[in-house]
């Protein structure tokens, strides 16, 4: 039987999960940007050009704000992380 603790401390665990979220953020953003692209070629953009532009702006704004929040939560990189 080892004397090491079975679980990570809570602070380290949460930081590792936040780093994983930060790594997944570009993938989520890419999927959100690529999702409506097939519809651009199938459906005519009669009055939907404004809605589509607002959608892309909203996705972009969400990604910027999510990255800002994650950067603030994670703080500067520490040696050994």
PDB file of N, CA and C in Angstrom:
ATOM      1  N   UNK A   1       0.844  -1.186   0.000  1.00  0.00           N
ATOM      2  CA  UNK A   1       0.000   0.000   0.000  1.00  0.00           C
ATOM      3  C   UNK A   1       0.884   1.241   0.000  1.00  0.00           C
ATOM      4  N   UNK A   2       0.608   2.188  -0.888  1.00  0.00           N
ATOM      5  CA  UNK A   2       1.437   3.385  -0.951  1.00  0.00           C
ATOM      6  C   UNK A   2       0.920   4.433   0.028  1.00  0.00           C
ATOM      7  N   UNK A   3       1.845   5.292   0.424  1.00  0.00           N
ATOM      8  CA  UNK A   3       1.475   6.345   1.371  1.00  0.00           C
ATOM      9  C   UNK A   3       1.062   7.627   0.668  1.00  0.00           C
ATOM     10  N   UNK A   4       1.065   7.646  -0.681  1.00  0.00           N
ATOM     11  CA  UNK A   4       0.657   8.813  -1.424  1.00  0.00           C
ATOM     12  C   UNK A   4      -0.854   9.003  -1.331  1.00  0.00           C
ATOM     13  N   UNK A   5      -1.300  10.257  -1.349  1.00  0.00           N
ATOM     14  CA  UNK A   5      -2.748  10.471  -1.308  1.00  0.00           C
ATOM     15  C   UNK A   5      -3.405   9.932  -2.579  1.00  0.00           C
ATOM     16  N   UNK A   6      -4.617   9.447  -2.428  1.00  0.00           N
ATOM     17  CA  UNK A   6      -5.305   8.841  -3.551  1.00  0.00           C
ATOM     18  C   UNK A   6      -5.830   9.894  -4.521  1.00  0.00           C
ATOM     19  N   UNK A   7      -6.187  11.057  -4.029  1.00  0.00           N
ATOM     20  CA  UNK A   7      -6.766  12.100  -4.869  1.00  0.00           C
ATOM     21  C   UNK A   7      -5.880  13.333  -4.875  1.00  0.00           C
ATOM     22  N   UNK A   8      -6.007  14.146  -5.944  1.00  0.00           N
ATOM     23  CA  UNK A   8      -5.306  15.424  -6.011  1.00  0.00           C
ATOM     24  C   UNK A   8      -5.977  16.414  -5.061  1.00  0.00           C
ATOM     25  N   UNK A   9      -5.225  17.413  -4.635  1.00  0.00           N
ATOM     26  CA  UNK A   9      -5.880  18.442  -3.854  1.00  0.00           C
ATOM     27  C   UNK A   9      -6.837  19.216  -4.760  1.00  0.00           C
ATOM     28  N   UNK A  10      -7.842  19.817  -4.170  1.00  0.00           N
ATOM     29  CA  UNK A  10      -8.934  20.419  -4.925  1.00  0.00           C
ATOM     30  C   UNK A  10      -8.457  21.564  -5.818  1.00  0.00           C
ATOM     31  N   UNK A  11      -7.528  22.379  -5.345  1.00  0.00           N
ATOM     32  CA  UNK A  11      -7.046  23.520  -6.130  1.00  0.00           C
ATOM     33  C   UNK A  11      -6.319  23.044  -7.382  1.00  0.00           C
ATOM     34  N   UNK A  12      -5.477  22.049  -7.253  1.00  0.00           N
ATOM     35  CA  UNK A  12      -4.752  21.517  -8.394  1.00  0.00           C
ATOM     36  C   UNK A  12      -5.707  20.854  -9.388  1.00  0.00           C
ATOM     37  N   UNK A  13      -6.691  20.151  -8.868  1.00  0.00           N
ATOM     38  CA  UNK A  13      -7.676  19.485  -9.724  1.00  0.00           C
ATOM     39  C   UNK A  13      -8.451  20.505 -10.558  1.00  0.00           C
ATOM     40  N   UNK A  14      -8.916  21.571  -9.914  1.00  0.00           N
ATOM     41  CA  UNK A  14      -9.685  22.592 -10.621  1.00  0.00           C
ATOM     42  C   UNK A  14      -8.832  23.295 -11.674  1.00  0.00           C
ATOM     43  N   UNK A  15      -7.580  23.565 -11.346  1.00  0.00           N
ATOM     44  CA  UNK A  15      -6.692  24.219 -12.318  1.00  0.00           C
ATOM     45  C   UNK A  15      -6.492  23.327 -13.542  1.00  0.00           C
ATOM     46  N   UNK A  16      -6.301  22.041 -13.334  1.00  0.00           N
ATOM     47  CA  UNK A  16      -6.112  21.124 -14.462  1.00  0.00           C
ATOM     48  C   UNK A  16      -7.358  21.066 -15.337  1.00  0.00           C
ATOM     49  N   UNK A  17      -8.547  21.097 -14.722  1.00  0.00           N
ATOM     50  CA  UNK A  17      -9.780  21.093 -15.506  1.00  0.00           C
ATOM     51  C   UNK A  17      -9.933  22.385 -16.292  1.00  0.00           C
ATOM     52  N   UNK A  18      -9.540  23.521 -15.707  1.00  0.00           N
ATOM     53  CA  UNK A  18      -9.625  24.788 -16.421  1.00  0.00           C
ATOM     54  C   UNK A  18      -8.645  24.824 -17.599  1.00  0.00           C
ATOM     55  N   UNK A  19      -7.481  24.222 -17.428  1.00  0.00           N
ATOM     56  CA  UNK A  19      -6.524  24.133 -18.535  1.00  0.00           C
ATOM     57  C   UNK A  19      -7.117  23.284 -19.656  1.00  0.00           C
ATOM     58  N   UNK A  20      -7.818  22.215 -19.311  1.00  0.00           N
ATOM     59  CA  UNK A  20      -8.460  21.391 -20.332  1.00  0.00           C
ATOM     60  C   UNK A  20      -9.552  22.163 -21.064  1.00  0.00           C
ATOM     61  N   UNK A  21     -10.311  22.975 -20.335  1.00  0.00           N
ATOM     62  CA  UNK A  21     -11.336  23.806 -20.968  1.00  0.00           C
ATOM     63  C   UNK A  21     -10.674  24.800 -21.922  1.00  0.00           C
ATOM     64  N   UNK A  22      -9.556  25.381 -21.498  1.00  0.00           N
ATOM     65  CA  UNK A  22      -8.844  26.336 -22.355  1.00  0.00           C
ATOM     66  C   UNK A  22      -8.332  25.659 -23.624  1.00  0.00           C
ATOM     67  N   UNK A  23      -7.946  24.411 -23.525  1.00  0.00           N
ATOM     68  CA  UNK A  23      -7.483  23.681 -24.707  1.00  0.00           C
ATOM     69  C   UNK A  23      -8.628  23.349 -25.655  1.00  0.00           C
ATOM     70  N   UNK A  24      -9.822  23.150 -25.118  1.00  0.00           N
ATOM     71  CA  UNK A  24     -10.977  22.807 -25.944  1.00  0.00           C
ATOM     72  C   UNK A  24     -11.663  24.034 -26.549  1.00  0.00           C
ATOM     73  N   UNK A  25     -11.378  25.217 -26.042  1.00  0.00           N
ATOM     74  CA  UNK A  25     -12.048  26.424 -26.512  1.00  0.00           C
ATOM     75  C   UNK A  25     -11.849  26.674 -28.014  1.00  0.00           C
ATOM     76  N   UNK A  26     -10.644  26.545 -28.574  1.00  0.00           N
ATOM     77  CA  UNK A  26     -10.509  26.743 -30.029  1.00  0.00           C
ATOM     78  C   UNK A  26     -11.277  25.709 -30.844  1.00  0.00           C
ATOM     79  N   UNK A  27     -11.366  24.502 -30.350  1.00  0.00           N
ATOM     80  CA  UNK A  27     -12.119  23.461 -31.061  1.00  0.00           C
ATOM     81  C   UNK A  27     -13.603  23.804 -31.063  1.00  0.00           C
ATOM     82  N   UNK A  28     -14.116  24.220 -29.910  1.00  0.00           N
ATOM     83  CA  UNK A  28     -15.513  24.637 -29.818  1.00  0.00           C
ATOM     84  C   UNK A  28     -15.788  25.823 -30.740  1.00  0.00           C
ATOM     85  N   UNK A  29     -14.873  26.786 -30.750  1.00  0.00           N
ATOM     86  CA  UNK A  29     -15.042  27.947 -31.621  1.00  0.00           C
ATOM     87  C   UNK A  29     -15.028  27.570 -33.087  1.00  0.00           C
ATOM     88  N   UNK A  30     -14.127  26.686 -33.460  1.00  0.00           N
ATOM     89  CA  UNK A  30     -14.071  26.228 -34.850  1.00  0.00           C
ATOM     90  C   UNK A  30     -15.348  25.533 -35.272  1.00  0.00           C
ATOM     91  N   UNK A  31     -15.883  24.710 -34.396  1.00  0.00           N
ATOM     92  CA  UNK A  31     -17.142  24.028 -34.719  1.00  0.00           C
ATOM     93  C   UNK A  31     -18.286  25.020 -34.851  1.00  0.00           C
ATOM     94  N   UNK A  32     -18.329  26.008 -33.977  1.00  0.00           N
ATOM     95  CA  UNK A  32     -19.397  27.015 -34.052  1.00  0.00           C
ATOM     96  C   UNK A  32     -19.284  27.864 -35.314  1.00  0.00           C
ATOM     97  N   UNK A  33     -18.072  28.129 -35.763  1.00  0.00           N
ATOM     98  CA  UNK A  33     -17.882  28.909 -36.987  1.00  0.00           C
ATOM     99  C   UNK A  33     -18.201  28.067 -38.224  1.00  0.00           C
ATOM    100  N   UNK A  34     -17.789  26.810 -38.218  1.00  0.00           N
ATOM    101  CA  UNK A  34     -17.987  25.954 -39.391  1.00  0.00           C
ATOM    102  C   UNK A  34     -19.412  25.423 -39.528  1.00  0.00           C
ATOM    103  N   UNK A  35     -20.171  25.421 -38.437  1.00  0.00           N
ATOM    104  CA  UNK A  35     -21.520  24.855 -38.460  1.00  0.00           C
ATOM    105  C   UNK A  35     -22.421  25.484 -39.522  1.00  0.00           C
ATOM    106  N   UNK A  36     -22.508  26.811 -39.643  1.00  0.00           N
ATOM    107  CA  UNK A  36     -23.429  27.363 -40.651  1.00  0.00           C
ATOM    108  C   UNK A  36     -22.862  27.433 -42.069  1.00  0.00           C
ATOM    109  N   UNK A  37     -21.601  27.115 -42.270  1.00  0.00           N
ATOM    110  CA  UNK A  37     -21.013  27.260 -43.602  1.00  0.00           C
ATOM    111  C   UNK A  37     -21.694  26.429 -44.689  1.00  0.00           C
ATOM    112  N   UNK A  38     -22.088  25.184 -44.451  1.00  0.00           N
ATOM    113  CA  UNK A  38     -22.772  24.454 -45.531  1.00  0.00           C
ATOM    114  C   UNK A  38     -24.077  25.111 -45.967  1.00  0.00           C
ATOM    115  N   UNK A  39     -24.746  25.795 -45.052  1.00  0.00           N
ATOM    116  CA  UNK A  39     -26.013  26.430 -45.391  1.00  0.00           C
ATOM    117  C   UNK A  39     -25.820  27.663 -46.271  1.00  0.00           C
ATOM    118  N   UNK A  40     -24.611  28.213 -46.288  1.00  0.00           N
ATOM    119  CA  UNK A  40     -24.342  29.362 -47.155  1.00  0.00           C
ATOM    120  C   UNK A  40     -24.469  28.990 -48.621  1.00  0.00           C
ATOM    121  N   UNK A  41     -24.168  27.753 -48.945  1.00  0.00           N
ATOM    122  CA  UNK A  41     -24.169  27.314 -50.332  1.00  0.00           C
ATOM    123  C   UNK A  41     -25.471  26.640 -50.739  1.00  0.00           C
ATOM    124  N   UNK A  42     -26.316  26.299 -49.780  1.00  0.00           N
ATOM    125  CA  UNK A  42     -27.567  25.613 -50.075  1.00  0.00           C
ATOM    126  C   UNK A  42     -28.742  26.591 -50.073  1.00  0.00           C
ATOM    127  N   UNK A  43     -28.788  27.466 -49.083  1.00  0.00           N
ATOM    128  CA  UNK A  43     -29.909  28.384 -48.913  1.00  0.00           C
ATOM    129  C   UNK A  43     -29.487  29.768 -49.397  1.00  0.00           C
ATOM    130  N   UNK A  44     -30.288  30.428 -50.210  1.00  0.00           N
ATOM    131  CA  UNK A  44     -29.937  31.793 -50.626  1.00  0.00           C
ATOM    132  C   UNK A  44     -29.977  32.748 -49.435  1.00  0.00           C
ATOM    133  N   UNK A  45     -29.102  33.743 -49.444  1.00  0.00           N
ATOM    134  CA  UNK A  45     -28.970  34.677 -48.330  1.00  0.00           C
ATOM    135  C   UNK A  45     -29.802  35.938 -48.539  1.00  0.00           C
ATOM    136  N   UNK A  46     -31.041  35.810 -48.919  1.00  0.00           N
ATOM    137  CA  UNK A  46     -31.860  36.979 -49.218  1.00  0.00           C
ATOM    138  C   UNK A  46     -31.852  37.990 -48.075  1.00  0.00           C
ATOM    139  N   UNK A  47     -32.429  37.660 -46.953  1.00  0.00           N
ATOM    140  CA  UNK A  47     -32.477  38.584 -45.818  1.00  0.00           C
ATOM    141  C   UNK A  47     -31.691  38.077 -44.633  1.00  0.00           C
ATOM    142  N   UNK A  48     -31.030  36.959 -44.808  1.00  0.00           N
ATOM    143  CA  UNK A  48     -30.343  36.339 -43.686  1.00  0.00           C
ATOM    144  C   UNK A  48     -28.885  36.759 -43.548  1.00  0.00           C
ATOM    145  N   UNK A  49     -28.407  37.622 -44.401  1.00  0.00           N
ATOM    146  CA  UNK A  49     -27.005  38.031 -44.328  1.00  0.00           C
ATOM    147  C   UNK A  49     -26.722  38.762 -43.019  1.00  0.00           C
ATOM    148  N   UNK A  50     -27.658  39.585 -42.584  1.00  0.00           N
ATOM    149  CA  UNK A  50     -27.474  40.308 -41.328  1.00  0.00           C
ATOM    150  C   UNK A  50     -27.476  39.342 -40.153  1.00  0.00           C
ATOM    151  N   UNK A  51     -28.388  38.392 -40.154  1.00  0.00           N
ATOM    152  CA  UNK A  51     -28.459  37.410 -39.073  1.00  0.00           C
ATOM    153  C   UNK A  51     -27.191  36.568 -39.026  1.00  0.00           C
ATOM    154  N   UNK A  52     -26.684  36.208 -40.185  1.00  0.00           N
ATOM    155  CA  UNK A  52     -25.460  35.419 -40.240  1.00  0.00           C
ATOM    156  C   UNK A  52     -24.259  36.221 -39.738  1.00  0.00           C
ATOM    157  N   UNK A  53     -24.193  37.490 -40.118  1.00  0.00           N
ATOM    158  CA  UNK A  53     -23.109  38.349 -39.631  1.00  0.00           C
ATOM    159  C   UNK A  53     -23.190  38.516 -38.125  1.00  0.00           C
ATOM    160  N   UNK A  54     -24.393  38.680 -37.582  1.00  0.00           N
ATOM    161  CA  UNK A  54     -24.568  38.789 -36.129  1.00  0.00           C
ATOM    162  C   UNK A  54     -24.182  37.487 -35.424  1.00  0.00           C
ATOM    163  N   UNK A  55     -24.494  36.358 -36.047  1.00  0.00           N
ATOM    164  CA  UNK A  55     -24.111  35.068 -35.469  1.00  0.00           C
ATOM    165  C   UNK A  55     -22.591  34.953 -35.382  1.00  0.00           C
ATOM    166  N   UNK A  56     -21.884  35.277 -36.473  1.00  0.00           N
ATOM    167  CA  UNK A  56     -20.425  35.189 -36.450  1.00  0.00           C
ATOM    168  C   UNK A  56     -19.821  36.157 -35.438  1.00  0.00           C
ATOM    169  N   UNK A  57     -20.389  37.356 -35.340  1.00  0.00           N
ATOM    170  CA  UNK A  57     -19.903  38.320 -34.363  1.00  0.00           C
ATOM    171  C   UNK A  57     -20.148  37.815 -32.946  1.00  0.00           C
ATOM    172  N   UNK A  58     -21.307  37.220 -32.692  1.00  0.00           N
ATOM    173  CA  UNK A  58     -21.624  36.700 -31.359  1.00  0.00           C
ATOM    174  C   UNK A  58     -20.678  35.553 -30.982  1.00  0.00           C
ATOM    175  N   UNK A  59     -20.400  34.672 -31.928  1.00  0.00           N
ATOM    176  CA  UNK A  59     -19.459  33.571 -31.655  1.00  0.00           C
ATOM    177  C   UNK A  59     -18.076  34.131 -31.364  1.00  0.00           C
ATOM    178  N   UNK A  60     -17.640  35.084 -32.171  1.00  0.00           N
ATOM    179  CA  UNK A  60     -16.331  35.706 -31.962  1.00  0.00           C
ATOM    180  C   UNK A  60     -16.264  36.376 -30.596  1.00  0.00           C
ATOM    181  N   UNK A  61     -17.304  37.130 -30.236  1.00  0.00           N
ATOM    182  CA  UNK A  61     -17.331  37.816 -28.950  1.00  0.00           C
ATOM    183  C   UNK A  61     -17.322  36.819 -27.793  1.00  0.00           C
ATOM    184  N   UNK A  62     -18.086  35.736 -27.921  1.00  0.00           N
ATOM    185  CA  UNK A  62     -18.092  34.707 -26.884  1.00  0.00           C
ATOM    186  C   UNK A  62     -16.701  34.102 -26.706  1.00  0.00           C
ATOM    187  N   UNK A  63     -16.019  33.814 -27.802  1.00  0.00           N
ATOM    188  CA  UNK A  63     -14.690  33.218 -27.718  1.00  0.00           C
ATOM    189  C   UNK A  63     -13.689  34.174 -27.062  1.00  0.00           C
ATOM    190  N   UNK A  64     -13.773  35.448 -27.405  1.00  0.00           N
ATOM    191  CA  UNK A  64     -12.872  36.431 -26.807  1.00  0.00           C
ATOM    192  C   UNK A  64     -13.127  36.537 -25.306  1.00  0.00           C
ATOM    193  N   UNK A  65     -14.390  36.640 -24.913  1.00  0.00           N
ATOM    194  CA  UNK A  65     -14.721  36.767 -23.488  1.00  0.00           C
ATOM    195  C   UNK A  65     -14.384  35.493 -22.709  1.00  0.00           C
ATOM    196  N   UNK A  66     -14.629  34.338 -23.309  1.00  0.00           N
ATOM    197  CA  UNK A  66     -14.288  33.079 -22.635  1.00  0.00           C
ATOM    198  C   UNK A  66     -12.781  32.966 -22.453  1.00  0.00           C
ATOM    199  N   UNK A  67     -12.011  33.363 -23.455  1.00  0.00           N
ATOM    200  CA  UNK A  67     -10.549  33.324 -23.326  1.00  0.00           C
ATOM    201  C   UNK A  67     -10.075  34.310 -22.262  1.00  0.00           C
ATOM    202  N   UNK A  68     -10.706  35.476 -22.190  1.00  0.00           N
ATOM    203  CA  UNK A  68     -10.352  36.457 -21.168  1.00  0.00           C
ATOM    204  C   UNK A  68     -10.625  35.921 -19.769  1.00  0.00           C
ATOM    205  N   UNK A  69     -11.780  35.325 -19.580  1.00  0.00           N
ATOM    206  CA  UNK A  69     -12.128  34.767 -18.272  1.00  0.00           C
ATOM    207  C   UNK A  69     -11.170  33.635 -17.899  1.00  0.00           C
ATOM    208  N   UNK A  70     -10.891  32.754 -18.849  1.00  0.00           N
ATOM    209  CA  UNK A  70      -9.975  31.650 -18.572  1.00  0.00           C
ATOM    210  C   UNK A  70      -8.573  32.153 -18.259  1.00  0.00           C
ATOM    211  N   UNK A  71      -8.125  33.174 -18.961  1.00  0.00           N
ATOM    212  CA  UNK A  71      -6.798  33.731 -18.690  1.00  0.00           C
ATOM    213  C   UNK A  71      -6.738  34.342 -17.301  1.00  0.00           C
ATOM    214  N   UNK A  72      -7.793  35.010 -16.901  1.00  0.00           N
ATOM    215  CA  UNK A  72      -7.823  35.608 -15.554  1.00  0.00           C
ATOM    216  C   UNK A  72      -7.869  34.531 -14.475  1.00  0.00           C
ATOM    217  N   UNK A  73      -8.660  33.494 -14.703  1.00  0.00           N
ATOM    218  CA  UNK A  73      -8.781  32.418 -13.705  1.00  0.00           C
ATOM    219  C   UNK A  73      -7.475  31.655 -13.574  1.00  0.00           C
ATOM    220  N   UNK A  74      -6.842  31.363 -14.704  1.00  0.00           N
ATOM    221  CA  UNK A  74      -5.626  30.561 -14.668  1.00  0.00           C
ATOM    222  C   UNK A  74      -4.417  31.378 -14.208  1.00  0.00           C
ATOM    223  N   UNK A  75      -4.387  32.649 -14.519  1.00  0.00           N
ATOM    224  CA  UNK A  75      -3.258  33.484 -14.114  1.00  0.00           C
ATOM    225  C   UNK A  75      -2.006  33.120 -14.874  1.00  0.00           C
ATOM    226  N   UNK A  76      -0.876  33.682 -14.440  1.00  0.00           N
ATOM    227  CA  UNK A  76       0.384  33.380 -15.144  1.00  0.00           C
ATOM    228  C   UNK A  76       0.796  31.925 -14.927  1.00  0.00           C
ATOM    229  N   UNK A  77       1.520  31.402 -15.916  1.00  0.00           N
ATOM    230  CA  UNK A  77       1.992  30.016 -15.828  1.00  0.00           C
ATOM    231  C   UNK A  77       3.018  29.887 -14.721  1.00  0.00           C
ATOM    232  N   UNK A  78       2.899  28.809 -13.966  1.00  0.00           N
ATOM    233  CA  UNK A  78       3.869  28.545 -12.902  1.00  0.00           C
ATOM    234  C   UNK A  78       4.779  27.403 -13.318  1.00  0.00           C
ATOM    235  N   UNK A  79       6.025  27.430 -12.877  1.00  0.00           N
ATOM    236  CA  UNK A  79       6.918  26.304 -13.202  1.00  0.00           C
ATOM    237  C   UNK A  79       6.360  24.992 -12.671  1.00  0.00           C
ATOM    238  N   UNK A  80       6.421  23.979 -13.494  1.00  0.00           N
ATOM    239  CA  UNK A  80       5.956  22.662 -13.079  1.00  0.00           C
ATOM    240  C   UNK A  80       4.514  22.385 -13.432  1.00  0.00           C
ATOM    241  N   UNK A  81       3.809  23.355 -14.020  1.00  0.00           N
ATOM    242  CA  UNK A  81       2.418  23.126 -14.400  1.00  0.00           C
ATOM    243  C   UNK A  81       2.331  22.565 -15.783  1.00  0.00           C
TER     244      UNK A  81
END
